[in-house]
C-alpha atoms as a PDB file:
ATOM      1  CA  MET A   1     -38.497 255.774  14.890  1.00  0.00           C
ATOM      2  CA  ASN A   2     -39.716 253.259  12.218  1.00  0.00           C
ATOM      3  CA  GLN A   3     -36.860 250.666  11.381  1.00  0.00           C
ATOM      4  CA  PRO A   4     -36.973 249.214   7.832  1.00  0.00           C
ATOM      5  CA  PRO A   5     -36.855 245.536   7.646  1.00  0.00           C
ATOM      6  CA  THR A   6     -33.166 244.463   7.393  1.00  0.00           C
ATOM      7  CA  PHE A   7     -33.575 240.575   7.064  1.00  0.00           C
ATOM      8  CA  GLY A   8     -36.401 238.619   5.502  1.00  0.00           C
ATOM      9  CA  GLU A   9     -38.637 239.327   2.533  1.00  0.00           C
ATOM     10  CA  ARG A  10     -39.464 243.012   1.646  1.00  0.00           C
ATOM     11  CA  ASP A  11     -42.841 244.035   0.142  1.00  0.00           C
ATOM     12  CA  LEU A  12     -42.379 244.731  -3.470  1.00  0.00           C
ATOM     13  CA  ARG A  13     -45.713 245.842  -4.472  1.00  0.00           C
ATOM     14  CA  SER A  14     -45.767 248.606  -1.431  1.00  0.00           C
ATOM     15  CA  ALA A  15     -42.127 249.609  -2.264  1.00  0.00           C
ATOM     16  CA  LEU A  16     -43.189 250.239  -5.785  1.00  0.00           C
ATOM     17  CA  LEU A  17     -46.260 252.501  -4.666  1.00  0.00           C
ATOM     18  CA  ARG A  18     -44.350 254.378  -2.160  1.00  0.00           C
ATOM     19  CA  GLY A  19     -41.615 255.070  -4.530  1.00  0.00           C
ATOM     20  CA  LEU A  20     -44.228 256.084  -7.262  1.00  0.00           C
ATOM     21  CA  ARG A  21     -45.566 258.623  -4.674  1.00  0.00           C
ATOM     22  CA  GLY A  22     -42.144 259.936  -3.868  1.00  0.00           C
ATOM     23  CA  GLU A  23     -42.338 258.365  -0.356  1.00  0.00           C
ATOM     24  CA  CYS A  24     -39.592 256.330   1.317  1.00  0.00           C
ATOM     25  CA  PRO A  25     -39.832 252.576   0.112  1.00  0.00           C
ATOM     26  CA  ALA A  26     -39.177 251.405   3.367  1.00  0.00           C
ATOM     27  CA  CYS A  27     -41.210 253.169   5.648  1.00  0.00           C
ATOM     28  CA  GLY A  28     -43.619 255.737   3.650  1.00  0.00           C
ATOM     29  CA  ASP A  29     -43.408 257.893   6.409  1.00  0.00           C
ATOM     30  CA  ALA A  30     -40.799 260.413   4.540  1.00  0.00           C
ATOM     31  CA  LYS A  31     -40.203 262.130   1.165  1.00  0.00           C
ATOM     32  CA  LEU A  32     -37.635 260.170  -0.939  1.00  0.00           C
ATOM     33  CA  PHE A  33     -36.517 263.133  -3.178  1.00  0.00           C
ATOM     34  CA  GLY A  34     -34.709 266.201  -1.398  1.00  0.00           C
ATOM     35  CA  ARG A  35     -34.577 267.957  -5.041  1.00  0.00           C
ATOM     36  CA  PHE A  36     -36.535 267.012  -8.218  1.00  0.00           C
ATOM     37  CA  LEU A  37     -34.209 263.877  -9.009  1.00  0.00           C
ATOM     38  CA  LYS A  38     -32.038 263.694  -5.782  1.00  0.00           C
ATOM     39  CA  PRO A  39     -32.855 261.435  -3.344  1.00  0.00           C
ATOM     40  CA  VAL A  40     -32.431 262.473   0.394  1.00  0.00           C
ATOM     41  CA  PRO A  41     -29.168 260.990   1.854  1.00  0.00           C
ATOM     42  CA  HIS A  42     -31.136 258.948   4.754  1.00  0.00           C
ATOM     43  CA  CYS A  43     -34.766 258.680   5.477  1.00  0.00           C
ATOM     44  CA  PRO A  44     -35.317 261.102   8.468  1.00  0.00           C
ATOM     45  CA  SER A  45     -38.163 258.822   9.435  1.00  0.00           C
ATOM     46  CA  CYS A  46     -36.621 255.013   9.335  1.00  0.00           C
ATOM     47  CA  GLY A  47     -32.912 255.831   8.783  1.00  0.00           C
ATOM     48  CA  GLN A  48     -32.632 254.032   5.524  1.00  0.00           C
ATOM     49  CA  ASP A  49     -29.526 255.063   3.407  1.00  0.00           C
ATOM     50  CA  TRP A  50     -30.519 256.163  -0.180  1.00  0.00           C
ATOM     51  CA  THR A  51     -26.958 257.082  -1.416  1.00  0.00           C
ATOM     52  CA  VAL A  52     -26.305 253.346  -2.209  1.00  0.00           C
ATOM     53  CA  HIS A  53     -29.234 253.413  -5.052  1.00  0.00           C
ATOM     54  CA  SER A  54     -28.251 252.743  -8.458  1.00  0.00           C
ATOM     55  CA  ALA A  55     -31.097 253.808 -10.842  1.00  0.00           C
ATOM     56  CA  ASP A  56     -28.792 255.355 -13.400  1.00  0.00           C
ATOM     57  CA  ASP A  57     -30.545 255.602 -16.729  1.00  0.00           C
ATOM     58  CA  MET A  58     -33.463 252.913 -16.094  1.00  0.00           C
ATOM     59  CA  PRO A  59     -35.888 255.726 -15.108  1.00  0.00           C
ATOM     60  CA  ALA A  60     -35.483 257.604 -18.555  1.00  0.00           C
ATOM     61  CA  TYR A  61     -35.414 254.288 -20.584  1.00  0.00           C
ATOM     62  CA  LEU A  62     -38.996 253.575 -18.813  1.00  0.00           C
ATOM     63  CA  VAL A  63     -40.207 257.111 -19.636  1.00  0.00           C
ATOM     64  CA  VAL A  64     -39.208 256.871 -23.081  1.00  0.00           C
ATOM     65  CA  LEU A  65     -40.767 253.561 -23.547  1.00  0.00           C
ATOM     66  CA  ILE A  66     -44.072 254.399 -22.177  1.00  0.00           C
ATOM     67  CA  LEU A  67     -44.312 257.919 -23.846  1.00  0.00           C
ATOM     68  CA  GLY A  68     -43.106 256.093 -27.385  1.00  0.00           C
ATOM     69  CA  HIS A  69     -46.086 253.369 -26.959  1.00  0.00           C
ATOM     70  CA  VAL A  70     -48.785 256.000 -25.805  1.00  0.00           C
ATOM     71  CA  LEU A  71     -47.914 259.210 -27.814  1.00  0.00           C
ATOM     72  CA  VAL A  72     -47.140 257.811 -31.061  1.00  0.00           C
ATOM     73  CA  PRO A  73     -50.438 256.109 -31.737  1.00  0.00           C
ATOM     74  CA  ILE A  74     -52.361 259.302 -30.556  1.00  0.00           C
ATOM     75  CA  LEU A  75     -50.300 261.194 -32.850  1.00  0.00           C
ATOM     76  CA  VAL A  76     -51.058 259.236 -35.737  1.00  0.00           C
ATOM     77  CA  ALA A  77     -54.782 259.110 -34.874  1.00  0.00           C
ATOM     78  CA  VAL A  78     -54.954 262.786 -34.488  1.00  0.00           C
ATOM     79  CA  ASN A  79     -53.061 263.273 -37.917  1.00  0.00           C
ATOM     80  CA  MET A  80     -55.270 260.886 -39.507  1.00  0.00           C
ATOM     81  CA  ARG A  81     -58.318 262.509 -38.603  1.00  0.00           C
ATOM     82  CA  PHE A  82     -57.095 265.967 -38.529  1.00  0.00           C
ATOM     83  CA  ASP A  83     -55.343 267.986 -41.212  1.00  0.00           C
ATOM     84  CA  LEU A  84     -53.098 269.948 -38.775  1.00  0.00           C
ATOM     85  CA  PRO A  85     -50.537 272.752 -39.984  1.00  0.00           C
ATOM     86  CA  MET A  86     -47.207 271.431 -39.576  1.00  0.00           C
ATOM     87  CA  TRP A  87     -46.317 274.198 -37.650  1.00  0.00           C
ATOM     88  CA  LEU A  88     -48.545 272.766 -35.056  1.00  0.00           C
ATOM     89  CA  ASP A  89     -47.545 269.465 -35.169  1.00  0.00           C
ATOM     90  CA  MET A  90     -43.822 270.827 -34.672  1.00  0.00           C
ATOM     91  CA  ALA A  91     -45.049 272.580 -31.679  1.00  0.00           C
ATOM     92  CA  LEU A  92     -47.435 270.405 -30.137  1.00  0.00           C
ATOM     93  CA  TRP A  93     -46.124 266.904 -30.195  1.00  0.00           C
ATOM     94  CA  PRO A  94     -42.530 267.724 -28.865  1.00  0.00           C
ATOM     95  CA  GLY A  95     -43.928 270.119 -26.271  1.00  0.00           C
ATOM     96  CA  LEU A  96     -46.764 267.545 -24.807  1.00  0.00           C
ATOM     97  CA  ALA A  97     -43.684 264.902 -25.026  1.00  0.00           C
ATOM     98  CA  LEU A  98     -41.425 267.100 -22.868  1.00  0.00           C
ATOM     99  CA  ILE A  99     -44.346 267.897 -20.388  1.00  0.00           C
ATOM    100  CA  LEU A 100     -45.188 264.409 -19.820  1.00  0.00           C
ATOM    101  CA  ALA A 101     -41.807 263.133 -19.635  1.00  0.00           C
ATOM    102  CA  LEU A 102     -40.879 265.748 -16.929  1.00  0.00           C
ATOM    103  CA  LEU A 103     -44.221 264.813 -15.001  1.00  0.00           C
ATOM    104  CA  MET A 104     -43.126 260.948 -15.377  1.00  0.00           C
ATOM    105  CA  ILE A 105     -39.609 260.665 -14.608  1.00  0.00           C
ATOM    106  CA  GLN A 106     -39.350 261.655 -10.768  1.00  0.00           C
ATOM    107  CA  PRO A 107     -42.397 258.695 -10.154  1.00  0.00           C
ATOM    108  CA  ALA A 108     -40.386 256.363 -12.369  1.00  0.00           C
ATOM    109  CA  LYS A 109     -37.022 257.002 -10.581  1.00  0.00           C
ATOM    110  CA  GLY A 110     -38.871 256.535  -7.148  1.00  0.00           C
ATOM    111  CA  MET A 111     -40.064 252.959  -8.560  1.00  0.00           C
ATOM    112  CA  VAL A 112     -36.691 252.114  -9.582  1.00  0.00           C
ATOM    113  CA  ILE A 113     -35.340 253.018  -6.332  1.00  0.00           C
ATOM    114  CA  GLY A 114     -38.039 251.129  -4.590  1.00  0.00           C
ATOM    115  CA  PHE A 115     -37.518 247.970  -6.781  1.00  0.00           C
ATOM    116  CA  GLN A 116     -33.849 248.075  -6.101  1.00  0.00           C
ATOM    117  CA  TRP A 117     -34.561 248.434  -2.146  1.00  0.00           C
ATOM    118  CA  ALA A 118     -37.339 245.751  -1.982  1.00  0.00           C
ATOM    119  CA  ARG A 119     -35.037 243.084  -4.202  1.00  0.00           C
ATOM    120  CA  ARG A 120     -31.799 244.087  -2.227  1.00  0.00           C
ATOM    121  CA  MET A 121     -30.136 245.147  -5.266  1.00  0.00           C
ATOM    122  CA  HIS A 122     -26.707 247.002  -5.132  1.00  0.00           C
ATOM    123  CA  GLY A 123     -26.106 248.440  -1.938  1.00  0.00           C
ATOM    124  CA  PHE A 124     -29.535 247.388  -0.616  1.00  0.00           C
ATOM    125  CA  ALA A 125     -28.326 244.064   0.271  1.00  0.00           C
ATOM    126  CA  GLY A 126     -28.196 244.733   4.146  1.00  0.00           C
ATOM    127  CA  GLY A 127     -27.306 241.599   5.390  1.00  0.00           C
ATOM    128  CA  ARG A 128     -24.323 239.412   6.621  1.00  0.00           C
END
């Protein structure tokens, strides 16, 4: 059974990448999520407790920030180049935003949890 490091430095980059892939940020050997946005209580491989995370609304803020900066310029460019009917605009852009947001929210939450674990935030302090 792999043990997550309890003292010393935790690698931020690998924790973020593992969280992005939906893997345990501590060991990378097991899945982080049991359901769509619900982390498993404990890693079956290393035993890390994931009930102490406090991601709250940060993943949603990240998704909105990224989508706004990516999708709005594309929307403006497409509407300047093509004369799309209003009904198509009203169906296309919100639908695309919804699909992209659903695709991005779980990796964003995994990264936030990985960041909290690597920086020993909230319940991840794990020391004396």
